[in-house]
Amino acid sequence: MNISETAKWLREHDNYLILTHRRPDGDAIGSAAGLARGLRAVGRTAYVLHNPEITPRYLPYIEDYWASDTFSPDNVVTVDTASRDLFPVNWGDRAEHVALCIDHHPSNSGYAASSCVDSARASCGEIVYEILSQWPGAVDSETAAALYVAVSTDTGCFAFGNTTADTLLVASELARAGAPIARINRALFREKTRARAVLEGFIFSGLEFHFDGRAAISVITGDMLARAGATENDLDDIAALPGSIEGVWVGVTVRELSAPDDCKVSVRSGKDVDSNALCARFGGGGHAMAAGFTARARTDDVKAALIDALGEVFSGKPRA
């Protein structure tokens, strides 16, 4: 469905439960909170399923919308969730119950009964804003704040290559609607914990460069997290660090999860490397400039496989 059709569908139904994806980021949280409040503004009942993997930094924007354990929805909506394997752990694999998916990932698998997917958008929050804009009065200052969290985090405070003129226009409208952009920007992009600062030191000191410096790879182990005293709350956008080095075309972060043979890979790139295509080789996906996958393997083995895959990517791509 397009924006108008999706807005019409949402107005014709009621009693919503909104799902975010596993390890929810700012776009998922902001989109869910903004949609819930916007739906309430037009007289609909809407809650968000509590996501046990949320980090404290995003709680203030969504905790007022958590559904109670006794809430029984008539319609389930997902935001920023490309496939059923990304459903939150407390939802399982119940794709058959999802009535609508709102998303911006080109890798969206079409699991929902109806979908509104626009892969040209830098964030899901932009799509939610366009939907709510169909309804006069649906975007107040609190809704605008939530959606600004969504739009700003998925674009790295508008520094990433996915930022478009439409992104900036939406951000402008959210500021006009009352989003406290200075406060949000400071909280999400300028302040960092001591643990995060220490962890960044470990990451930069251990960076590996390959293919004449065009690829930078970081491995984050459980031991590094323990020594830094870092938690999930300190890891937001950690995948952007390797690609921030001058001359790097693609930055890769291989993070060890709870077990030594379980890891998460995040890829960030410029226009010269397709992150989505690279991650698709390993069963993952995302966007052309930001994608990822998980692997049941040790970090060294995953890194070696990635280096082989990057060798194929860089073959025939001479340095400019």
Protein backbone atom coordinates (compact mmCIF):
# COMPACT_ATOMS: atom_id res chain seq x y z
CA MET A 1 0.00 0.00 0.00
CA ASN A 2 1.07 3.59 -0.53
CA ILE A 3 0.97 6.31 2.14
CA SER A 4 -2.64 7.36 1.53
CA GLU A 5 -3.89 3.77 1.42
CA THR A 6 -2.04 2.94 4.63
CA ALA A 7 -3.44 6.02 6.41
CA LYS A 8 -6.95 5.04 5.28
CA TRP A 9 -6.48 1.46 6.48
CA LEU A 10 -5.28 2.65 9.88
CA ARG A 11 -8.28 4.98 10.26
CA GLU A 12 -10.68 2.18 9.36
CA HIS A 13 -9.34 -0.20 12.02
CA ASP A 14 -8.61 0.02 15.73
CA ASN A 15 -7.15 -1.64 18.81
CA TYR A 16 -3.51 -1.78 17.70
CA LEU A 17 -0.45 -3.53 19.08
CA ILE A 18 2.78 -2.23 17.53
CA LEU A 19 5.91 -4.39 17.40
CA THR A 20 9.55 -3.30 17.23
CA HIS A 21 12.43 -5.53 16.15
CA ARG A 22 15.04 -7.35 18.20
CA ARG A 23 17.66 -5.10 19.79
CA PRO A 24 15.55 -2.08 18.83
CA ASP A 25 17.35 1.02 17.59
CA GLY A 26 16.18 4.62 17.59
CA ASP A 27 14.27 4.26 14.34
CA ALA A 28 12.25 1.31 15.59
CA ILE A 29 11.52 2.89 18.98
CA GLY A 30 10.76 6.35 17.60
CA SER A 31 8.56 5.00 14.82
CA ALA A 32 6.57 2.82 17.21
CA ALA A 33 6.08 5.55 19.81
CA GLY A 34 5.21 8.14 17.17
CA LEU A 35 2.70 5.85 15.49
CA ALA A 36 1.07 4.92 18.80
CA ARG A 37 0.64 8.53 19.86
CA GLY A 38 -0.52 9.60 16.41
CA LEU A 39 -3.17 6.87 16.38
CA ARG A 40 -4.34 7.90 19.82
CA ALA A 41 -4.65 11.49 18.58
CA VAL A 42 -7.31 10.40 16.09
CA GLY A 43 -9.25 8.36 18.62
CA ARG A 44 -7.69 4.94 18.16
CA THR A 45 -6.43 2.57 20.85
CA ALA A 46 -2.74 1.82 20.30
CA TYR A 47 0.01 0.31 22.42
CA VAL A 48 3.53 -0.98 21.83
CA LEU A 49 4.60 -4.49 22.81
CA HIS A 50 7.26 -4.22 25.52
CA ASN A 51 10.62 -5.09 24.03
CA PRO A 52 12.88 -6.67 26.68
CA GLU A 53 16.00 -5.80 24.66
CA ILE A 54 15.48 -2.04 24.71
CA THR A 55 18.37 0.01 26.12
CA PRO A 56 17.85 2.73 28.76
CA ARG A 57 18.69 5.60 26.42
CA TYR A 58 15.48 5.05 24.43
CA LEU A 59 13.11 4.27 27.32
CA PRO A 60 11.96 7.88 27.91
CA TYR A 61 10.52 8.04 24.40
CA ILE A 62 8.37 4.89 24.56
CA GLU A 63 7.73 3.65 28.10
CA ASP A 64 4.37 5.43 28.28
CA TYR A 65 3.10 3.31 25.38
CA TRP A 66 3.91 -0.20 26.62
CA ALA A 67 0.96 -2.58 26.43
CA SER A 68 -0.19 -4.35 29.58
CA ASP A 69 0.00 -8.12 29.75
CA THR A 70 -3.79 -8.26 29.51
CA PHE A 71 -4.14 -6.12 26.38
CA SER A 72 -5.79 -8.06 23.53
CA PRO A 73 -5.26 -6.38 20.15
CA ASP A 74 -7.41 -6.65 17.05
CA ASN A 75 -4.59 -5.57 14.73
CA VAL A 76 -0.84 -6.08 14.96
CA VAL A 77 1.48 -3.65 13.17
CA THR A 78 5.26 -3.91 12.81
CA VAL A 79 7.58 -0.98 12.21
CA ASP A 80 11.15 -1.04 10.84
CA THR A 81 11.14 -4.85 10.79
CA ALA A 82 12.27 -6.47 7.55
CA SER A 83 11.65 -10.14 8.29
CA ARG A 84 9.96 -12.47 10.75
CA ASP A 85 13.26 -13.61 12.25
CA LEU A 86 13.63 -10.07 13.62
CA PHE A 87 10.43 -10.20 15.68
CA PRO A 88 11.05 -9.43 19.37
CA VAL A 89 11.82 -12.44 21.52
CA ASN A 90 8.50 -12.17 23.36
CA TRP A 91 6.51 -12.38 20.11
CA GLY A 92 8.11 -15.43 18.55
CA ASP A 93 7.52 -16.30 14.91
CA ARG A 94 3.82 -15.38 14.69
CA ALA A 95 3.91 -13.63 11.32
CA GLU A 96 0.39 -14.82 10.54
CA HIS A 97 -0.91 -12.38 13.17
CA VAL A 98 0.75 -9.31 11.58
CA ALA A 99 -1.86 -7.27 9.71
CA LEU A 100 0.42 -4.43 8.56
CA CYS A 101 4.13 -3.83 8.16
CA ILE A 102 5.56 -0.29 7.83
CA ASP A 103 9.19 -0.45 6.77
CA HIS A 104 11.96 1.04 4.66
CA HIS A 105 14.27 -1.94 4.15
CA PRO A 106 14.70 -3.12 0.54
CA SER A 107 15.20 -6.62 1.95
CA ASN A 108 11.68 -6.70 3.44
CA SER A 109 10.37 -10.25 3.00
CA GLY A 110 6.66 -9.38 2.68
CA TYR A 111 5.61 -11.42 5.71
CA ALA A 112 2.65 -9.20 6.69
CA ALA A 113 -0.88 -9.38 5.28
CA SER A 114 -0.42 -5.78 4.05
CA SER A 115 2.72 -3.69 3.74
CA CYS A 116 3.79 -0.10 3.30
CA VAL A 117 7.46 -0.30 2.31
CA ASP A 118 9.44 2.57 0.81
CA SER A 119 13.12 1.70 0.46
CA ALA A 120 13.94 5.19 -0.81
CA ARG A 121 13.35 6.54 2.69
CA ALA A 122 16.30 6.92 5.02
CA SER A 123 14.25 5.86 8.03
CA CYS A 124 10.96 4.22 8.91
CA GLY A 125 10.20 7.34 10.91
CA GLU A 126 9.87 9.34 7.69
CA ILE A 127 7.16 6.97 6.46
CA VAL A 128 5.28 7.12 9.76
CA TYR A 129 5.43 10.92 9.62
CA GLU A 130 3.98 10.95 6.10
CA ILE A 131 1.16 8.63 7.23
CA LEU A 132 0.30 10.72 10.28
CA SER A 133 0.45 13.91 8.20
CA GLN A 134 -2.67 12.68 6.42
CA TRP A 135 -4.59 13.36 9.65
CA PRO A 136 -4.84 16.98 10.90
CA GLY A 137 -3.59 17.30 14.47
CA ALA A 138 -1.96 13.88 14.64
CA VAL A 139 1.61 15.22 14.97
CA ASP A 140 1.97 17.14 18.22
CA SER A 141 5.23 17.97 20.00
CA GLU A 142 5.49 14.57 21.71
CA THR A 143 4.85 12.67 18.48
CA ALA A 144 7.35 14.93 16.73
CA ALA A 145 9.98 14.19 19.37
CA ALA A 146 9.58 10.43 18.94
CA LEU A 147 9.75 10.66 15.16
CA TYR A 148 12.78 12.95 15.32
CA VAL A 149 14.54 10.23 17.34
CA ALA A 150 13.69 7.81 14.53
CA VAL A 151 14.80 10.04 11.66
CA SER A 152 17.96 11.38 13.29
CA THR A 153 19.34 8.08 14.58
CA ASP A 154 18.99 6.19 11.30
CA THR A 155 20.89 8.97 9.49
CA GLY A 156 23.60 9.51 12.09
CA CYS A 157 22.22 12.96 12.86
CA PHE A 158 21.96 13.54 9.09
CA ALA A 159 25.62 12.72 8.44
CA PHE A 160 25.13 9.36 6.71
CA GLY A 161 24.90 8.96 2.96
CA ASN A 162 21.27 7.82 3.16
CA THR A 163 20.17 11.34 4.14
CA THR A 164 18.07 12.94 1.41
CA ALA A 165 16.35 16.25 0.83
CA ASP A 166 13.11 14.57 1.92
CA THR A 167 14.79 13.49 5.18
CA LEU A 168 15.79 17.06 5.96
CA LEU A 169 12.33 18.31 5.04
CA VAL A 170 10.72 15.85 7.46
CA ALA A 171 13.20 16.86 10.18
CA SER A 172 12.31 20.51 9.58
CA GLU A 173 8.60 19.77 9.92
CA LEU A 174 9.22 17.82 13.14
CA ALA A 175 11.16 20.75 14.57
CA ARG A 176 8.32 23.05 13.56
CA ALA A 177 5.88 20.74 15.35
CA GLY A 178 7.84 21.13 18.58
CA ALA A 179 10.44 18.36 18.69
CA PRO A 180 13.18 19.46 21.14
CA ILE A 181 15.96 18.82 18.64
CA ALA A 182 18.79 20.40 20.66
CA ARG A 183 18.04 18.26 23.71
CA ILE A 184 17.64 15.07 21.65
CA ASN A 185 20.79 15.72 19.61
CA ARG A 186 22.86 16.21 22.76
CA ALA A 187 21.45 13.12 24.47
CA LEU A 188 21.85 10.82 21.47
CA PHE A 189 24.86 12.15 19.56
CA ARG A 190 27.11 14.27 21.77
CA GLU A 191 27.08 12.63 25.19
CA LYS A 192 28.75 9.28 25.83
CA THR A 193 29.40 7.22 28.93
CA ARG A 194 32.90 6.61 30.24
CA ALA A 195 32.47 2.94 29.34
CA ARG A 196 31.68 3.89 25.73
CA ALA A 197 34.77 6.11 25.56
CA VAL A 198 36.99 3.30 26.85
CA LEU A 199 35.42 0.81 24.43
CA GLU A 200 35.99 3.14 21.49
CA GLY A 201 39.67 3.27 22.46
CA PHE A 202 39.84 -0.54 22.33
CA ILE A 203 38.08 -0.57 18.96
CA PHE A 204 40.29 2.03 17.29
CA SER A 205 43.50 0.49 18.65
CA GLY A 206 42.51 -2.91 17.29
CA LEU A 207 41.24 -1.89 13.85
CA GLU A 208 42.46 -3.96 10.91
CA PHE A 209 42.77 -2.42 7.46
CA HIS A 210 42.54 -4.42 4.24
CA PHE A 211 42.55 -3.79 0.49
CA ASP A 212 44.78 -0.73 0.56
CA GLY A 213 42.87 0.72 3.46
CA ARG A 214 39.50 0.63 1.74
CA ALA A 215 38.08 -1.84 4.27
CA ALA A 216 38.33 -1.50 8.05
CA ILE A 217 37.32 -4.36 10.33
CA SER A 218 36.76 -4.26 14.08
CA VAL A 219 36.20 -7.26 16.32
CA ILE A 220 34.42 -6.57 19.62
CA THR A 221 34.79 -9.40 22.11
CA GLY A 222 33.03 -10.07 25.35
CA ASP A 223 36.33 -9.48 27.13
CA MET A 224 36.57 -5.98 25.62
CA LEU A 225 33.07 -5.16 26.85
CA ALA A 226 33.88 -6.48 30.32
CA ARG A 227 37.13 -4.50 30.58
CA ALA A 228 35.37 -1.32 29.46
CA GLY A 229 32.42 -1.97 31.76
CA ALA A 230 30.15 -1.54 28.75
CA THR A 231 26.56 -2.72 28.40
CA GLU A 232 24.06 -2.70 25.53
CA ASN A 233 23.32 0.91 26.39
CA ASP A 234 26.89 1.82 25.37
CA LEU A 235 26.76 0.16 21.96
CA ASP A 236 24.36 2.33 19.98
CA ASP A 237 25.73 3.04 16.49
CA ILE A 238 29.05 1.41 17.41
CA ALA A 239 29.11 -0.02 13.86
CA ALA A 240 29.77 3.43 12.42
CA LEU A 241 33.24 3.72 13.94
CA PRO A 242 35.36 1.68 11.45
CA GLY A 243 33.90 3.56 8.50
CA SER A 244 34.73 6.93 10.02
CA ILE A 245 38.41 6.57 9.08
CA GLU A 246 39.64 8.58 6.09
CA GLY A 247 39.92 6.48 2.93
CA VAL A 248 37.70 3.64 4.19
CA TRP A 249 34.97 2.58 1.76
CA VAL A 250 33.43 -0.08 3.96
CA GLY A 251 33.55 -0.52 7.73
CA VAL A 252 32.77 -3.89 9.32
CA THR A 253 32.09 -4.64 12.98
CA VAL A 254 32.12 -8.27 14.15
CA ARG A 255 30.72 -8.44 17.65
CA GLU A 256 30.87 -11.50 19.85
CA LEU A 257 27.52 -12.18 21.49
CA SER A 258 26.74 -14.29 24.55
CA ALA A 259 28.63 -17.34 23.32
CA PRO A 260 32.08 -17.48 21.67
CA ASP A 261 30.56 -19.10 18.58
CA ASP A 262 27.73 -16.59 18.18
CA CYS A 263 28.31 -13.17 16.67
CA LYS A 264 26.64 -10.20 15.02
CA VAL A 265 28.09 -8.44 11.98
CA SER A 266 27.32 -4.86 10.99
CA VAL A 267 28.45 -3.33 7.70
CA ARG A 268 28.50 0.38 6.84
CA SER A 269 29.65 1.66 3.47
CA GLY A 270 29.63 4.48 0.98
CA LYS A 271 28.25 4.37 -2.54
CA ASP A 272 31.12 2.23 -3.84
CA VAL A 273 30.18 -0.90 -1.84
CA ASP A 274 26.70 -2.42 -1.50
CA SER A 275 26.37 -3.43 2.16
CA ASN A 276 23.08 -5.21 1.53
CA ALA A 277 24.57 -7.39 -1.22
CA LEU A 278 27.57 -8.24 0.94
CA CYS A 279 25.44 -9.28 3.92
CA ALA A 280 23.03 -11.18 1.70
CA ARG A 281 25.87 -13.64 1.01
CA PHE A 282 25.65 -14.59 4.68
CA GLY A 283 21.87 -14.68 4.95
CA GLY A 284 21.47 -11.10 6.16
CA GLY A 285 20.43 -7.85 4.58
CA GLY A 286 19.45 -4.25 5.11
CA HIS A 287 20.26 -1.20 3.00
CA ALA A 288 22.85 -0.43 0.36
CA MET A 289 24.89 1.57 2.88
CA ALA A 290 23.98 -0.22 6.13
CA ALA A 291 23.26 -3.91 6.62
CA GLY A 292 24.05 -6.84 8.87
CA PHE A 293 23.70 -10.49 9.75
CA THR A 294 24.23 -12.93 12.59
CA ALA A 295 26.41 -16.02 12.43
CA ARG A 296 26.88 -19.17 14.46
CA ALA A 297 30.65 -19.11 14.23
CA ARG A 298 33.67 -17.71 16.00
CA THR A 299 34.64 -14.13 15.29
CA ASP A 300 37.96 -15.08 13.65
CA ASP A 301 36.21 -17.45 11.24
CA VAL A 302 33.56 -14.86 10.40
CA LYS A 303 36.22 -12.22 9.85
CA ALA A 304 38.14 -14.52 7.50
CA ALA A 305 34.98 -15.23 5.49
CA LEU A 306 34.24 -11.53 5.26
CA ILE A 307 37.74 -10.76 4.03
CA ASP A 308 37.29 -13.38 1.28
CA ALA A 309 33.93 -11.87 0.31
CA LEU A 310 35.36 -8.35 0.33
CA GLY A 311 38.16 -9.55 -1.93
CA GLU A 312 35.54 -10.41 -4.54
CA VAL A 313 33.83 -7.06 -4.00
CA PHE A 314 37.02 -5.09 -4.48
CA SER A 315 38.25 -7.06 -7.47
CA GLY A 316 37.80 -4.81 -10.45
CA LYS A 317 37.34 -1.75 -8.22
CA PRO A 318 40.60 0.18 -8.51
CA ARG A 319 41.22 2.88 -5.97
CA ALA A 320 40.30 6.27 -7.44
